Amino acid sequence: MAAAGLALGLAQFVIADICPDDADSDLCYDSVNSDQWSSGQRMAPNLNLLFVLLALALPRSSLKQAALSFAALFSLSGAAAATCGDLKTFYKSQQCCGSASKTLTAQWSGCPYNFIPPACSMAEPQTPRDLSTGATGSMTPKAATLNDAQAEFLPLVNVHFHYGAEHKSDSYNNGTLSAAYDAASSGRRLASNPRPGWMCPSDTLTSAQTTPYTFQYCHGVEVGKSYEVHYVHSSAGMDADATDGVNADDLADGLGGAANNRGLLNPMVVVQGQVYQIVAGGPSVDDLLHGWTVVGHQNSVMYPGSTTGQSWDNSVCSPYAITWHVDLECHQVSPESFDNLCKMMKETYSMDSDLHPHGSRILVDSQYVVHQDFVKPLA
């Protein structure tokens, strides 16, 4: 909510200086002298940034979709095909005059991108997929799957973790917590109450192994619970010194660096997923920030899918096509090791919002994931 407030405040501050408070006075009437808004045209790039900030800060809704559409529209300020007059005509045609909160019923024809999340029936294959023995899928992907060496060639741009495993395998398949959450859910997605995913078996853990631990850096993390850590690699990434020819990490919160860093709109993205169960007295791992290469991933698969998280379900799907590498094993680690992961994220890369577990997306229906022939051993 703080991010949303900041984005809205910035937007109001800048826009107030170049536009009337009432959008209808400019978009719905013909008596306004367009010359007085020349500064507004020069501010278009800043407006684009503000709309993007606003869109990222808001939950999935018609308002977020509108913000993204206007961000794309303003990014075309230098293109001859997009004019303020075109926008004005579109605003009127959508009967927005006097109804600023009305949901748009069409995509503006001058915008080359459609930022409205697709229905699952129209989307590319989704993630998380059931990876347990015998699990099936239906879709044939259009995107190629990158291998292990190709993933490591891409910069690591983000590390974050989900409460429970989003994927399901033979090793992590306890859905008791997620079933209870879904049964009691009001449909609201709160950071303080993330949806749990699949858990590693805990019935054999001793009382000593579940001894509580006070985490100093991680927030909302518990001993005995499981977490799927995502190591996100992207061709849009950039290391701390882009001129030295070294593919070093330059991590940041969120997935903005993976999707649109350096202005790239079609980056190659690979996400490596490993599941860790936090156990008191468990194995010590000094560098979970690079756990994929440190812990090992001998029993892993690769397949084409999408982004994850609670923003998507089996009705509205992710618009992104990315490669997934998933370790099918459940790895036990000590609470000190997991807390050190958060310490490294915070102290080395000044990360903050990814120090707590994100909610897990519901396991995607088999009709929206790739056919089992496209789930291959990692090579």
Foldseek 3Di string as FASTA:
>chain_A
DVLLVVLVVVLCVVVVVQDPPAVCVPLVDDPDDCVSNPVVLVCLLVLLVSLVSNLVVDADDLSSQVSPLVSQLSVCSVPPLHDVVLVSVQCVVQVCRVPVPDRGPDRRPSGPDRSRFDWLVPAFFADDAAPEPPGWFDDDGPDDADFDVVQVVFAFAAKFKAFADLYHYPQFAACPQQVVCVVPDPLDADLLDFRHDTWGDQPPADPQFQPFDDQDQFPPDGAQTKMKMKGKGKNLAADPDNPPPDRYYQYEPDCCSRQAHPHDHDIAMEIEIAMEHATAVFAADQECVPVPVRVDQQFKKKFKHADWAASDANTGGHRGIYMYIYRNHYHYYHPVRLSVNSVCCCPVNVYDPRSYHTHHYHHYDSHRHDGPVRIGGRD
